[in-house]
Amino acid sequence: MNKTSDLVNLVLCICAKDGVITQLEEETTFKLLHAFTSKSNDLKALSESDFEKLIDKFFASDKQLEDYLNEFNDKELLSECLLIAKDSASSDGFDIKENIAYRKALSISGIKDKDLKEWENL
């Protein structure tokens, strides 16, 4: 899997934990990931059509949070992804199930919420 799809999958996994990915979560996810990938030299810039395809693949997958976390070798990239996931999931209200998934991802990865950068600083 490429890093861009790994980012999308983990963000969507956290957003979907409340049982639905809202239009606002989708829009926020695309906006943040597009901005992030566009300025990265290591990641493929995310187009809207690529994003839609990745959403379809995500819904066709049976992977769990731990599976998506295992795709990351780079802790800094994972930290940035989790920050985007938190912002996306909370765009329509941070449901308790999304919050639990986010906290679980932090715990598994050994990342502390307070150590994450603010999105403006990415």
PDB file of N, CA and C in Angstrom:
ATOM      1  N   MET A   1       0.832  -1.188   0.000  1.00  0.00           N
ATOM      2  CA  MET A   1       0.000   0.000   0.000  1.00  0.00           C
ATOM      3  C   MET A   1       0.871   1.244   0.000  1.00  0.00           C
ATOM      4  N   ASN A   2       0.410   2.297  -0.649  1.00  0.00           N
ATOM      5  CA  ASN A   2       1.198   3.522  -0.607  1.00  0.00           C
ATOM      6  C   ASN A   2       0.813   4.351   0.602  1.00  0.00           C
ATOM      7  N   LYS A   3       1.680   5.264   0.938  1.00  0.00           N
ATOM      8  CA  LYS A   3       1.487   6.044   2.161  1.00  0.00           C
ATOM      9  C   LYS A   3       0.220   6.891   2.124  1.00  0.00           C
ATOM     10  N   THR A   4      -0.123   7.428   0.970  1.00  0.00           N
ATOM     11  CA  THR A   4      -1.324   8.258   0.875  1.00  0.00           C
ATOM     12  C   THR A   4      -2.566   7.437   1.185  1.00  0.00           C
ATOM     13  N   SER A   5      -2.649   6.243   0.643  1.00  0.00           N
ATOM     14  CA  SER A   5      -3.820   5.405   0.936  1.00  0.00           C
ATOM     15  C   SER A   5      -3.827   4.968   2.403  1.00  0.00           C
ATOM     16  N   ASP A   6      -2.648   4.766   2.984  1.00  0.00           N
ATOM     17  CA  ASP A   6      -2.574   4.438   4.409  1.00  0.00           C
ATOM     18  C   ASP A   6      -3.152   5.567   5.256  1.00  0.00           C
ATOM     19  N   LEU A   7      -2.817   6.799   4.888  1.00  0.00           N
ATOM     20  CA  LEU A   7      -3.349   7.967   5.595  1.00  0.00           C
ATOM     21  C   LEU A   7      -4.870   7.994   5.515  1.00  0.00           C
ATOM     22  N   VAL A   8      -5.385   7.856   4.306  1.00  0.00           N
ATOM     23  CA  VAL A   8      -6.836   7.906   4.090  1.00  0.00           C
ATOM     24  C   VAL A   8      -7.526   6.807   4.888  1.00  0.00           C
ATOM     25  N   ASN A   9      -7.002   5.597   4.823  1.00  0.00           N
ATOM     26  CA  ASN A   9      -7.641   4.466   5.504  1.00  0.00           C
ATOM     27  C   ASN A   9      -7.706   4.661   7.014  1.00  0.00           C
ATOM     28  N   LEU A  10      -6.628   5.129   7.620  1.00  0.00           N
ATOM     29  CA  LEU A  10      -6.637   5.303   9.067  1.00  0.00           C
ATOM     30  C   LEU A  10      -7.591   6.420   9.477  1.00  0.00           C
ATOM     31  N   VAL A  11      -7.577   7.521   8.742  1.00  0.00           N
ATOM     32  CA  VAL A  11      -8.495   8.621   9.061  1.00  0.00           C
ATOM     33  C   VAL A  11      -9.941   8.156   8.929  1.00  0.00           C
ATOM     34  N   LEU A  12     -10.269   7.482   7.839  1.00  0.00           N
ATOM     35  CA  LEU A  12     -11.636   6.997   7.640  1.00  0.00           C
ATOM     36  C   LEU A  12     -12.030   5.975   8.698  1.00  0.00           C
ATOM     37  N   CYS A  13     -11.092   5.140   9.100  1.00  0.00           N
ATOM     38  CA  CYS A  13     -11.391   4.134  10.125  1.00  0.00           C
ATOM     39  C   CYS A  13     -11.820   4.800  11.426  1.00  0.00           C
ATOM     40  N   ILE A  14     -11.129   5.838  11.823  1.00  0.00           N
ATOM     41  CA  ILE A  14     -11.485   6.541  13.056  1.00  0.00           C
ATOM     42  C   ILE A  14     -12.813   7.280  12.881  1.00  0.00           C
ATOM     43  N   CYS A  15     -12.989   7.926  11.735  1.00  0.00           N
ATOM     44  CA  CYS A  15     -14.245   8.651  11.482  1.00  0.00           C
ATOM     45  C   CYS A  15     -15.450   7.711  11.439  1.00  0.00           C
ATOM     46  N   ALA A  16     -15.242   6.482  11.008  1.00  0.00           N
ATOM     47  CA  ALA A  16     -16.349   5.536  10.827  1.00  0.00           C
ATOM     48  C   ALA A  16     -16.750   4.819  12.112  1.00  0.00           C
ATOM     49  N   LYS A  17     -16.033   5.003  13.176  1.00  0.00           N
ATOM     50  CA  LYS A  17     -16.303   4.246  14.400  1.00  0.00           C
ATOM     51  C   LYS A  17     -17.660   4.557  15.011  1.00  0.00           C
ATOM     52  N   ASP A  18     -18.252   5.697  14.668  1.00  0.00           N
ATOM     53  CA  ASP A  18     -19.590   5.996  15.179  1.00  0.00           C
ATOM     54  C   ASP A  18     -20.675   5.412  14.279  1.00  0.00           C
ATOM     55  N   GLY A  19     -20.275   4.653  13.261  1.00  0.00           N
ATOM     56  CA  GLY A  19     -21.228   3.974  12.394  1.00  0.00           C
ATOM     57  C   GLY A  19     -21.492   4.677  11.078  1.00  0.00           C
ATOM     58  N   VAL A  20     -20.970   5.885  10.916  1.00  0.00           N
ATOM     59  CA  VAL A  20     -21.211   6.630   9.682  1.00  0.00           C
ATOM     60  C   VAL A  20     -20.077   7.623   9.447  1.00  0.00           C
ATOM     61  N   ILE A  21     -19.754   7.812   8.179  1.00  0.00           N
ATOM     62  CA  ILE A  21     -18.839   8.896   7.803  1.00  0.00           C
ATOM     63  C   ILE A  21     -19.711   9.957   7.147  1.00  0.00           C
ATOM     64  N   THR A  22     -19.849  11.076   7.819  1.00  0.00           N
ATOM     65  CA  THR A  22     -20.724  12.130   7.308  1.00  0.00           C
ATOM     66  C   THR A  22     -20.065  12.871   6.149  1.00  0.00           C
ATOM     67  N   GLN A  23     -20.877  13.606   5.421  1.00  0.00           N
ATOM     68  CA  GLN A  23     -20.372  14.428   4.327  1.00  0.00           C
ATOM     69  C   GLN A  23     -19.346  15.429   4.855  1.00  0.00           C
ATOM     70  N   LEU A  24     -19.616  16.007   6.013  1.00  0.00           N
ATOM     71  CA  LEU A  24     -18.681  16.971   6.603  1.00  0.00           C
ATOM     72  C   LEU A  24     -17.348  16.300   6.951  1.00  0.00           C
ATOM     73  N   GLU A  25     -17.398  15.088   7.480  1.00  0.00           N
ATOM     74  CA  GLU A  25     -16.153  14.365   7.772  1.00  0.00           C
ATOM     75  C   GLU A  25     -15.388  14.066   6.485  1.00  0.00           C
ATOM     76  N   GLU A  26     -16.105  13.650   5.452  1.00  0.00           N
ATOM     77  CA  GLU A  26     -15.465  13.396   4.151  1.00  0.00           C
ATOM     78  C   GLU A  26     -14.801  14.652   3.616  1.00  0.00           C
ATOM     79  N   GLU A  27     -15.531  15.756   3.627  1.00  0.00           N
ATOM     80  CA  GLU A  27     -15.000  17.014   3.110  1.00  0.00           C
ATOM     81  C   GLU A  27     -13.783  17.477   3.916  1.00  0.00           C
ATOM     82  N   THR A  28     -13.872  17.377   5.223  1.00  0.00           N
ATOM     83  CA  THR A  28     -12.759  17.785   6.080  1.00  0.00           C
ATOM     84  C   THR A  28     -11.553  16.884   5.855  1.00  0.00           C
ATOM     85  N   THR A  29     -11.799  15.599   5.767  1.00  0.00           N
ATOM     86  CA  THR A  29     -10.708  14.649   5.519  1.00  0.00           C
ATOM     87  C   THR A  29     -10.017  14.977   4.206  1.00  0.00           C
ATOM     88  N   PHE A  30     -10.790  15.169   3.154  1.00  0.00           N
ATOM     89  CA  PHE A  30     -10.168  15.483   1.862  1.00  0.00           C
ATOM     90  C   PHE A  30      -9.396  16.790   1.926  1.00  0.00           C
ATOM     91  N   LYS A  31      -9.986  17.814   2.499  1.00  0.00           N
ATOM     92  CA  LYS A  31      -9.325  19.121   2.566  1.00  0.00           C
ATOM     93  C   LYS A  31      -7.984  19.022   3.300  1.00  0.00           C
ATOM     94  N   LEU A  32      -7.986  18.379   4.455  1.00  0.00           N
ATOM     95  CA  LEU A  32      -6.764  18.284   5.256  1.00  0.00           C
ATOM     96  C   LEU A  32      -5.725  17.379   4.595  1.00  0.00           C
ATOM     97  N   LEU A  33      -6.156  16.227   4.086  1.00  0.00           N
ATOM     98  CA  LEU A  33      -5.204  15.323   3.446  1.00  0.00           C
ATOM     99  C   LEU A  33      -4.676  15.878   2.132  1.00  0.00           C
ATOM    100  N   HIS A  34      -5.528  16.550   1.381  1.00  0.00           N
ATOM    101  CA  HIS A  34      -5.071  17.170   0.135  1.00  0.00           C
ATOM    102  C   HIS A  34      -4.002  18.227   0.434  1.00  0.00           C
ATOM    103  N   ALA A  35      -4.258  19.063   1.423  1.00  0.00           N
ATOM    104  CA  ALA A  35      -3.283  20.095   1.796  1.00  0.00           C
ATOM    105  C   ALA A  35      -1.981  19.452   2.278  1.00  0.00           C
ATOM    106  N   PHE A  36      -2.094  18.412   3.095  1.00  0.00           N
ATOM    107  CA  PHE A  36      -0.919  17.750   3.644  1.00  0.00           C
ATOM    108  C   PHE A  36      -0.108  17.056   2.550  1.00  0.00           C
ATOM    109  N   THR A  37      -0.770  16.287   1.691  1.00  0.00           N
ATOM    110  CA  THR A  37      -0.045  15.549   0.653  1.00  0.00           C
ATOM    111  C   THR A  37       0.500  16.477  -0.429  1.00  0.00           C
ATOM    112  N   SER A  38      -0.164  17.591  -0.667  1.00  0.00           N
ATOM    113  CA  SER A  38       0.288  18.516  -1.701  1.00  0.00           C
ATOM    114  C   SER A  38       1.625  19.157  -1.358  1.00  0.00           C
ATOM    115  N   LYS A  39       1.888  19.320  -0.063  1.00  0.00           N
ATOM    116  CA  LYS A  39       3.141  19.967   0.323  1.00  0.00           C
ATOM    117  C   LYS A  39       4.237  18.963   0.691  1.00  0.00           C
ATOM    118  N   SER A  40       3.926  17.678   0.595  1.00  0.00           N
ATOM    119  CA  SER A  40       4.892  16.641   0.952  1.00  0.00           C
ATOM    120  C   SER A  40       5.654  16.162  -0.272  1.00  0.00           C
ATOM    121  N   ASN A  41       6.945  15.959  -0.098  1.00  0.00           N
ATOM    122  CA  ASN A  41       7.762  15.392  -1.176  1.00  0.00           C
ATOM    123  C   ASN A  41       7.670  13.874  -1.205  1.00  0.00           C
ATOM    124  N   ASP A  42       7.251  13.270  -0.097  1.00  0.00           N
ATOM    125  CA  ASP A  42       7.233  11.813   0.029  1.00  0.00           C
ATOM    126  C   ASP A  42       5.884  11.184  -0.294  1.00  0.00           C
ATOM    127  N   LEU A  43       4.857  11.997  -0.413  1.00  0.00           N
ATOM    128  CA  LEU A  43       3.514  11.465  -0.601  1.00  0.00           C
ATOM    129  C   LEU A  43       2.931  11.896  -1.942  1.00  0.00           C
ATOM    130  N   LYS A  44       2.126  11.007  -2.503  1.00  0.00           N
ATOM    131  CA  LYS A  44       1.412  11.342  -3.731  1.00  0.00           C
ATOM    132  C   LYS A  44       0.302  12.326  -3.377  1.00  0.00           C
ATOM    133  N   ALA A  45       0.255  13.454  -4.082  1.00  0.00           N
ATOM    134  CA  ALA A  45      -0.804  14.437  -3.849  1.00  0.00           C
ATOM    135  C   ALA A  45      -2.155  13.776  -4.080  1.00  0.00           C
ATOM    136  N   LEU A  46      -3.081  14.052  -3.198  1.00  0.00           N
ATOM    137  CA  LEU A  46      -4.390  13.409  -3.233  1.00  0.00           C
ATOM    138  C   LEU A  46      -5.367  14.235  -4.053  1.00  0.00           C
ATOM    139  N   SER A  47      -5.850  13.647  -5.148  1.00  0.00           N
ATOM    140  CA  SER A  47      -6.878  14.297  -5.956  1.00  0.00           C
ATOM    141  C   SER A  47      -8.239  13.861  -5.443  1.00  0.00           C
ATOM    142  N   GLU A  48      -9.258  14.592  -5.829  1.00  0.00           N
ATOM    143  CA  GLU A  48     -10.611  14.241  -5.390  1.00  0.00           C
ATOM    144  C   GLU A  48     -11.044  12.891  -5.948  1.00  0.00           C
ATOM    145  N   SER A  49     -10.698  12.604  -7.193  1.00  0.00           N
ATOM    146  CA  SER A  49     -11.094  11.307  -7.773  1.00  0.00           C
ATOM    147  C   SER A  49     -10.350  10.154  -7.089  1.00  0.00           C
ATOM    148  N   ASP A  50      -9.072  10.345  -6.769  1.00  0.00           N
ATOM    149  CA  ASP A  50      -8.332   9.318  -6.029  1.00  0.00           C
ATOM    150  C   ASP A  50      -8.943   9.107  -4.646  1.00  0.00           C
ATOM    151  N   PHE A  51      -9.338  10.201  -4.007  1.00  0.00           N
ATOM    152  CA  PHE A  51      -9.939  10.121  -2.688  1.00  0.00           C
ATOM    153  C   PHE A  51     -11.230   9.310  -2.731  1.00  0.00           C
ATOM    154  N   GLU A  52     -12.070   9.568  -3.728  1.00  0.00           N
ATOM    155  CA  GLU A  52     -13.330   8.822  -3.868  1.00  0.00           C
ATOM    156  C   GLU A  52     -13.067   7.326  -4.064  1.00  0.00           C
ATOM    157  N   LYS A  53     -12.051   6.994  -4.853  1.00  0.00           N
ATOM    158  CA  LYS A  53     -11.701   5.580  -5.064  1.00  0.00           C
ATOM    159  C   LYS A  53     -11.227   4.941  -3.759  1.00  0.00           C
ATOM    160  N   LEU A  54     -10.436   5.690  -2.993  1.00  0.00           N
ATOM    161  CA  LEU A  54      -9.938   5.170  -1.723  1.00  0.00           C
ATOM    162  C   LEU A  54     -11.070   4.974  -0.711  1.00  0.00           C
ATOM    163  N   ILE A  55     -12.067   5.843  -0.759  1.00  0.00           N
ATOM    164  CA  ILE A  55     -13.241   5.659   0.110  1.00  0.00           C
ATOM    165  C   ILE A  55     -13.942   4.352  -0.238  1.00  0.00           C
ATOM    166  N   ASP A  56     -14.134   4.104  -1.529  1.00  0.00           N
ATOM    167  CA  ASP A  56     -14.770   2.859  -1.964  1.00  0.00           C
ATOM    168  C   ASP A  56     -13.972   1.641  -1.498  1.00  0.00           C
ATOM    169  N   LYS A  57     -12.647   1.697  -1.644  1.00  0.00           N
ATOM    170  CA  LYS A  57     -11.799   0.584  -1.209  1.00  0.00           C
ATOM    171  C   LYS A  57     -11.880   0.399   0.308  1.00  0.00           C
ATOM    172  N   PHE A  58     -11.938   1.503   1.038  1.00  0.00           N
ATOM    173  CA  PHE A  58     -12.044   1.415   2.495  1.00  0.00           C
ATOM    174  C   PHE A  58     -13.316   0.666   2.881  1.00  0.00           C
ATOM    175  N   PHE A  59     -14.440   1.022   2.279  1.00  0.00           N
ATOM    176  CA  PHE A  59     -15.707   0.375   2.618  1.00  0.00           C
ATOM    177  C   PHE A  59     -15.760  -1.083   2.175  1.00  0.00           C
ATOM    178  N   ALA A  60     -14.952  -1.453   1.204  1.00  0.00           N
ATOM    179  CA  ALA A  60     -14.905  -2.845   0.751  1.00  0.00           C
ATOM    180  C   ALA A  60     -13.964  -3.695   1.608  1.00  0.00           C
ATOM    181  N   SER A  61     -13.195  -3.055   2.460  1.00  0.00           N
ATOM    182  CA  SER A  61     -12.204  -3.744   3.282  1.00  0.00           C
ATOM    183  C   SER A  61     -12.824  -4.220   4.601  1.00  0.00           C
ATOM    184  N   ASP A  62     -12.228  -5.250   5.159  1.00  0.00           N
ATOM    185  CA  ASP A  62     -12.662  -5.715   6.476  1.00  0.00           C
ATOM    186  C   ASP A  62     -11.567  -5.494   7.524  1.00  0.00           C
ATOM    187  N   LYS A  63     -10.613  -4.643   7.216  1.00  0.00           N
ATOM    188  CA  LYS A  63      -9.519  -4.363   8.148  1.00  0.00           C
ATOM    189  C   LYS A  63     -10.021  -3.577   9.358  1.00  0.00           C
ATOM    190  N   GLN A  64      -9.295  -3.745  10.435  1.00  0.00           N
ATOM    191  CA  GLN A  64      -9.596  -3.066  11.692  1.00  0.00           C
ATOM    192  C   GLN A  64      -8.541  -1.999  11.974  1.00  0.00           C
ATOM    193  N   LEU A  65      -8.772  -1.206  12.997  1.00  0.00           N
ATOM    194  CA  LEU A  65      -7.871  -0.132  13.381  1.00  0.00           C
ATOM    195  C   LEU A  65      -6.427  -0.604  13.498  1.00  0.00           C
ATOM    196  N   GLU A  66      -6.219  -1.729  14.164  1.00  0.00           N
ATOM    197  CA  GLU A  66      -4.863  -2.242  14.358  1.00  0.00           C
ATOM    198  C   GLU A  66      -4.188  -2.556  13.024  1.00  0.00           C
ATOM    199  N   ASP A  67      -4.946  -3.067  12.065  1.00  0.00           N
ATOM    200  CA  ASP A  67      -4.396  -3.366  10.745  1.00  0.00           C
ATOM    201  C   ASP A  67      -3.910  -2.094  10.060  1.00  0.00           C
ATOM    202  N   TYR A  68      -4.709  -1.038  10.155  1.00  0.00           N
ATOM    203  CA  TYR A  68      -4.311   0.232   9.533  1.00  0.00           C
ATOM    204  C   TYR A  68      -3.110   0.841  10.237  1.00  0.00           C
ATOM    205  N   LEU A  69      -3.052   0.715  11.547  1.00  0.00           N
ATOM    206  CA  LEU A  69      -1.903   1.232  12.295  1.00  0.00           C
ATOM    207  C   LEU A  69      -0.619   0.501  11.915  1.00  0.00           C
ATOM    208  N   ASN A  70      -0.719  -0.783  11.656  1.00  0.00           N
ATOM    209  CA  ASN A  70       0.456  -1.585  11.292  1.00  0.00           C
ATOM    210  C   ASN A  70       1.078  -1.171   9.965  1.00  0.00           C
ATOM    211  N   GLU A  71       0.355  -0.423   9.149  1.00  0.00           N
ATOM    212  CA  GLU A  71       0.873   0.033   7.860  1.00  0.00           C
ATOM    213  C   GLU A  71       1.916   1.141   8.007  1.00  0.00           C
ATOM    214  N   PHE A  72       1.983   1.742   9.187  1.00  0.00           N
ATOM    215  CA  PHE A  72       2.871   2.894   9.397  1.00  0.00           C
ATOM    216  C   PHE A  72       4.191   2.486  10.017  1.00  0.00           C
ATOM    217  N   ASN A  73       5.288   2.837   9.350  1.00  0.00           N
ATOM    218  CA  ASN A  73       6.638   2.639   9.887  1.00  0.00           C
ATOM    219  C   ASN A  73       7.185   3.944  10.440  1.00  0.00           C
ATOM    220  N   ASP A  74       6.634   5.041   9.979  1.00  0.00           N
ATOM    221  CA  ASP A  74       7.126   6.378  10.308  1.00  0.00           C
ATOM    222  C   ASP A  74       6.227   6.994  11.383  1.00  0.00           C
ATOM    223  N   LYS A  75       6.773   7.139  12.587  1.00  0.00           N
ATOM    224  CA  LYS A  75       5.972   7.637  13.713  1.00  0.00           C
ATOM    225  C   LYS A  75       5.551   9.092  13.502  1.00  0.00           C
ATOM    226  N   GLU A  76       6.386   9.876  12.843  1.00  0.00           N
ATOM    227  CA  GLU A  76       6.015  11.271  12.585  1.00  0.00           C
ATOM    228  C   GLU A  76       4.835  11.350  11.617  1.00  0.00           C
ATOM    229  N   LEU A  77       4.872  10.528  10.582  1.00  0.00           N
ATOM    230  CA  LEU A  77       3.751  10.489   9.631  1.00  0.00           C
ATOM    231  C   LEU A  77       2.487   9.998  10.327  1.00  0.00           C
ATOM    232  N   LEU A  78       2.621   9.007  11.176  1.00  0.00           N
ATOM    233  CA  LEU A  78       1.472   8.504  11.930  1.00  0.00           C
ATOM    234  C   LEU A  78       0.914   9.591  12.847  1.00  0.00           C
ATOM    235  N   SER A  79       1.771  10.338  13.491  1.00  0.00           N
ATOM    236  CA  SER A  79       1.326  11.436  14.361  1.00  0.00           C
ATOM    237  C   SER A  79       0.520  12.456  13.570  1.00  0.00           C
ATOM    238  N   GLU A  80       1.013  12.811  12.404  1.00  0.00           N
ATOM    239  CA  GLU A  80       0.307  13.778  11.571  1.00  0.00           C
ATOM    240  C   GLU A  80      -1.028  13.213  11.101  1.00  0.00           C
ATOM    241  N   CYS A  81      -1.051  11.919  10.782  1.00  0.00           N
ATOM    242  CA  CYS A  81      -2.285  11.264  10.363  1.00  0.00           C
ATOM    243  C   CYS A  81      -3.312  11.259  11.496  1.00  0.00           C
ATOM    244  N   LEU A  82      -2.864  10.979  12.701  1.00  0.00           N
ATOM    245  CA  LEU A  82      -3.787  10.948  13.835  1.00  0.00           C
ATOM    246  C   LEU A  82      -4.348  12.333  14.134  1.00  0.00           C
ATOM    247  N   LEU A  83      -3.549  13.346  13.940  1.00  0.00           N
ATOM    248  CA  LEU A  83      -4.047  14.712  14.123  1.00  0.00           C
ATOM    249  C   LEU A  83      -5.125  15.023  13.084  1.00  0.00           C
ATOM    250  N   ILE A  84      -4.883  14.633  11.849  1.00  0.00           N
ATOM    251  CA  ILE A  84      -5.883  14.827  10.795  1.00  0.00           C
ATOM    252  C   ILE A  84      -7.144  14.018  11.110  1.00  0.00           C
ATOM    253  N   ALA A  85      -6.962  12.797  11.592  1.00  0.00           N
ATOM    254  CA  ALA A  85      -8.110  11.954  11.953  1.00  0.00           C
ATOM    255  C   ALA A  85      -8.937  12.601  13.058  1.00  0.00           C
ATOM    256  N   LYS A  86      -8.275  13.149  14.043  1.00  0.00           N
ATOM    257  CA  LYS A  86      -8.986  13.806  15.148  1.00  0.00           C
ATOM    258  C   LYS A  86      -9.770  15.009  14.635  1.00  0.00           C
ATOM    259  N   ASP A  87      -9.137  15.825  13.804  1.00  0.00           N
ATOM    260  CA  ASP A  87      -9.814  17.004  13.253  1.00  0.00           C
ATOM    261  C   ASP A  87     -10.987  16.600  12.370  1.00  0.00           C
ATOM    262  N   SER A  88     -10.798  15.560  11.561  1.00  0.00           N
ATOM    263  CA  SER A  88     -11.865  15.108  10.665  1.00  0.00           C
ATOM    264  C   SER A  88     -13.034  14.510  11.447  1.00  0.00           C
ATOM    265  N   ALA A  89     -12.723  13.632  12.383  1.00  0.00           N
ATOM    266  CA  ALA A  89     -13.776  12.979  13.168  1.00  0.00           C
ATOM    267  C   ALA A  89     -14.539  13.975  14.024  1.00  0.00           C
ATOM    268  N   SER A  90     -13.875  15.012  14.482  1.00  0.00           N
ATOM    269  CA  SER A  90     -14.540  15.999  15.338  1.00  0.00           C
ATOM    270  C   SER A  90     -15.222  17.107  14.546  1.00  0.00           C
ATOM    271  N   SER A  91     -15.114  17.068  13.227  1.00  0.00           N
ATOM    272  CA  SER A  91     -15.721  18.128  12.409  1.00  0.00           C
ATOM    273  C   SER A  91     -17.240  18.155  12.550  1.00  0.00           C
ATOM    274  N   ASP A  92     -17.850  17.010  12.867  1.00  0.00           N
ATOM    275  CA  ASP A  92     -19.303  16.938  13.063  1.00  0.00           C
ATOM    276  C   ASP A  92     -19.646  16.580  14.514  1.00  0.00           C
ATOM    277  N   GLY A  93     -18.692  16.773  15.396  1.00  0.00           N
ATOM    278  CA  GLY A  93     -18.856  16.381  16.799  1.00  0.00           C
ATOM    279  C   GLY A  93     -18.061  15.118  17.021  1.00  0.00           C
ATOM    280  N   PHE A  94     -17.261  15.082  18.053  1.00  0.00           N
ATOM    281  CA  PHE A  94     -16.366  13.952  18.308  1.00  0.00           C
ATOM    282  C   PHE A  94     -17.114  12.907  19.117  1.00  0.00           C
ATOM    283  N   ASP A  95     -17.785  12.003  18.409  1.00  0.00           N
ATOM    284  CA  ASP A  95     -18.557  10.935  19.040  1.00  0.00           C
ATOM    285  C   ASP A  95     -17.666  10.115  19.967  1.00  0.00           C
ATOM    286  N   ILE A  96     -18.231   9.580  21.019  1.00  0.00           N
ATOM    287  CA  ILE A  96     -17.478   8.798  22.001  1.00  0.00           C
ATOM    288  C   ILE A  96     -16.755   7.616  21.353  1.00  0.00           C
ATOM    289  N   LYS A  97     -17.386   6.964  20.379  1.00  0.00           N
ATOM    290  CA  LYS A  97     -16.751   5.819  19.713  1.00  0.00           C
ATOM    291  C   LYS A  97     -15.556   6.257  18.867  1.00  0.00           C
ATOM    292  N   GLU A  98     -15.663   7.421  18.238  1.00  0.00           N
ATOM    293  CA  GLU A  98     -14.526   7.961  17.481  1.00  0.00           C
ATOM    294  C   GLU A  98     -13.399   8.327  18.446  1.00  0.00           C
ATOM    295  N   ASN A  99     -13.764   8.928  19.560  1.00  0.00           N
ATOM    296  CA  ASN A  99     -12.779   9.318  20.560  1.00  0.00           C
ATOM    297  C   ASN A  99     -12.057   8.085  21.113  1.00  0.00           C
ATOM    298  N   ILE A 100     -12.800   7.020  21.373  1.00  0.00           N
ATOM    299  CA  ILE A 100     -12.197   5.784  21.872  1.00  0.00           C
ATOM    300  C   ILE A 100     -11.226   5.210  20.837  1.00  0.00           C
ATOM    301  N   ALA A 101     -11.624   5.198  19.573  1.00  0.00           N
ATOM    302  CA  ALA A 101     -10.741   4.692  18.512  1.00  0.00           C
ATOM    303  C   ALA A 101      -9.478   5.548  18.401  1.00  0.00           C
ATOM    304  N   TYR A 102      -9.653   6.857  18.490  1.00  0.00           N
ATOM    305  CA  TYR A 102      -8.507   7.779  18.435  1.00  0.00           C
ATOM    306  C   TYR A 102      -7.568   7.512  19.616  1.00  0.00           C
ATOM    307  N   ARG A 103      -8.127   7.409  20.807  1.00  0.00           N
ATOM    308  CA  ARG A 103      -7.316   7.152  22.017  1.00  0.00           C
ATOM    309  C   ARG A 103      -6.628   5.782  21.934  1.00  0.00           C
ATOM    310  N   LYS A 104      -7.319   4.806  21.392  1.00  0.00           N
ATOM    311  CA  LYS A 104      -6.733   3.475  21.222  1.00  0.00           C
ATOM    312  C   LYS A 104      -5.557   3.537  20.249  1.00  0.00           C
ATOM    313  N   ALA A 105      -5.720   4.289  19.155  1.00  0.00           N
ATOM    314  CA  ALA A 105      -4.630   4.442  18.180  1.00  0.00           C
ATOM    315  C   ALA A 105      -3.421   5.112  18.828  1.00  0.00           C
ATOM    316  N   LEU A 106      -3.686   6.133  19.653  1.00  0.00           N
ATOM    317  CA  LEU A 106      -2.583   6.790  20.372  1.00  0.00           C
ATOM    318  C   LEU A 106      -1.881   5.786  21.283  1.00  0.00           C
ATOM    319  N   SER A 107      -2.657   5.027  22.030  1.00  0.00           N
ATOM    320  CA  SER A 107      -2.103   4.074  22.982  1.00  0.00           C
ATOM    321  C   SER A 107      -1.263   3.002  22.285  1.00  0.00           C
ATOM    322  N   ILE A 108      -1.801   2.415  21.235  1.00  0.00           N
ATOM    323  CA  ILE A 108      -1.090   1.365  20.499  1.00  0.00           C
ATOM    324  C   ILE A 108       0.211   1.894  19.911  1.00  0.00           C
ATOM    325  N   SER A 109       0.176   3.116  19.410  1.00  0.00           N
ATOM    326  CA  SER A 109       1.350   3.682  18.744  1.00  0.00           C
ATOM    327  C   SER A 109       2.332   4.350  19.711  1.00  0.00           C
ATOM    328  N   GLY A 110       1.934   4.503  20.965  1.00  0.00           N
ATOM    329  CA  GLY A 110       2.819   5.137  21.935  1.00  0.00           C
ATOM    330  C   GLY A 110       2.947   6.636  21.756  1.00  0.00           C
ATOM    331  N   ILE A 111       1.956   7.246  21.130  1.00  0.00           N
ATOM    332  CA  ILE A 111       1.950   8.691  20.895  1.00  0.00           C
ATOM    333  C   ILE A 111       1.027   9.336  21.917  1.00  0.00           C
ATOM    334  N   LYS A 112       1.437  10.466  22.435  1.00  0.00           N
ATOM    335  CA  LYS A 112       0.606  11.196  23.397  1.00  0.00           C
ATOM    336  C   LYS A 112      -0.110  12.335  22.683  1.00  0.00           C
ATOM    337  N   ASP A 113      -1.380  12.506  23.002  1.00  0.00           N
ATOM    338  CA  ASP A 113      -2.194  13.556  22.382  1.00  0.00           C
ATOM    339  C   ASP A 113      -1.544  14.927  22.547  1.00  0.00           C
ATOM    340  N   LYS A 114      -1.004  15.202  23.709  1.00  0.00           N
ATOM    341  CA  LYS A 114      -0.415  16.518  23.983  1.00  0.00           C
ATOM    342  C   LYS A 114       0.842  16.776  23.163  1.00  0.00           C
ATOM    343  N   ASP A 115       1.461  15.723  22.616  1.00  0.00           N
ATOM    344  CA  ASP A 115       2.680  15.885  21.828  1.00  0.00           C
ATOM    345  C   ASP A 115       2.408  16.139  20.343  1.00  0.00           C
ATOM    346  N   LEU A 116       1.145  15.993  19.946  1.00  0.00           N
ATOM    347  CA  LEU A 116       0.819  16.215  18.531  1.00  0.00           C
ATOM    348  C   LEU A 116       0.873  17.707  18.225  1.00  0.00           C
ATOM    349  N   LYS A 117       1.343  18.008  17.031  1.00  0.00           N
ATOM    350  CA  LYS A 117       1.388  19.398  16.584  1.00  0.00           C
ATOM    351  C   LYS A 117      -0.043  19.860  16.295  1.00  0.00           C
ATOM    352  N   GLU A 118      -0.211  21.149  16.287  1.00  0.00           N
ATOM    353  CA  GLU A 118      -1.492  21.693  15.824  1.00  0.00           C
ATOM    354  C   GLU A 118      -1.485  21.652  14.300  1.00  0.00           C
ATOM    355  N   TRP A 119      -2.658  21.495  13.699  1.00  0.00           N
ATOM    356  CA  TRP A 119      -2.747  21.390  12.237  1.00  0.00           C
ATOM    357  C   TRP A 119      -2.091  22.586  11.562  1.00  0.00           C
ATOM    358  N   GLU A 120      -2.241  23.771  12.125  1.00  0.00           N
ATOM    359  CA  GLU A 120      -1.675  24.962  11.511  1.00  0.00           C
ATOM    360  C   GLU A 120      -0.155  24.869  11.381  1.00  0.00           C
ATOM    361  N   ASN A 121       0.467  24.053  12.207  1.00  0.00           N
ATOM    362  CA  ASN A 121       1.922  23.933  12.203  1.00  0.00           C
ATOM    363  C   ASN A 121       2.434  22.796  11.315  1.00  0.00           C
ATOM    364  N   LEU A 122       1.527  22.059  10.695  1.00  0.00           N
ATOM    365  CA  LEU A 122       1.955  20.949   9.845  1.00  0.00           C
ATOM    366  C   LEU A 122       2.489  21.461   8.533  1.00  0.00           C
TER     367      LEU A 122
END
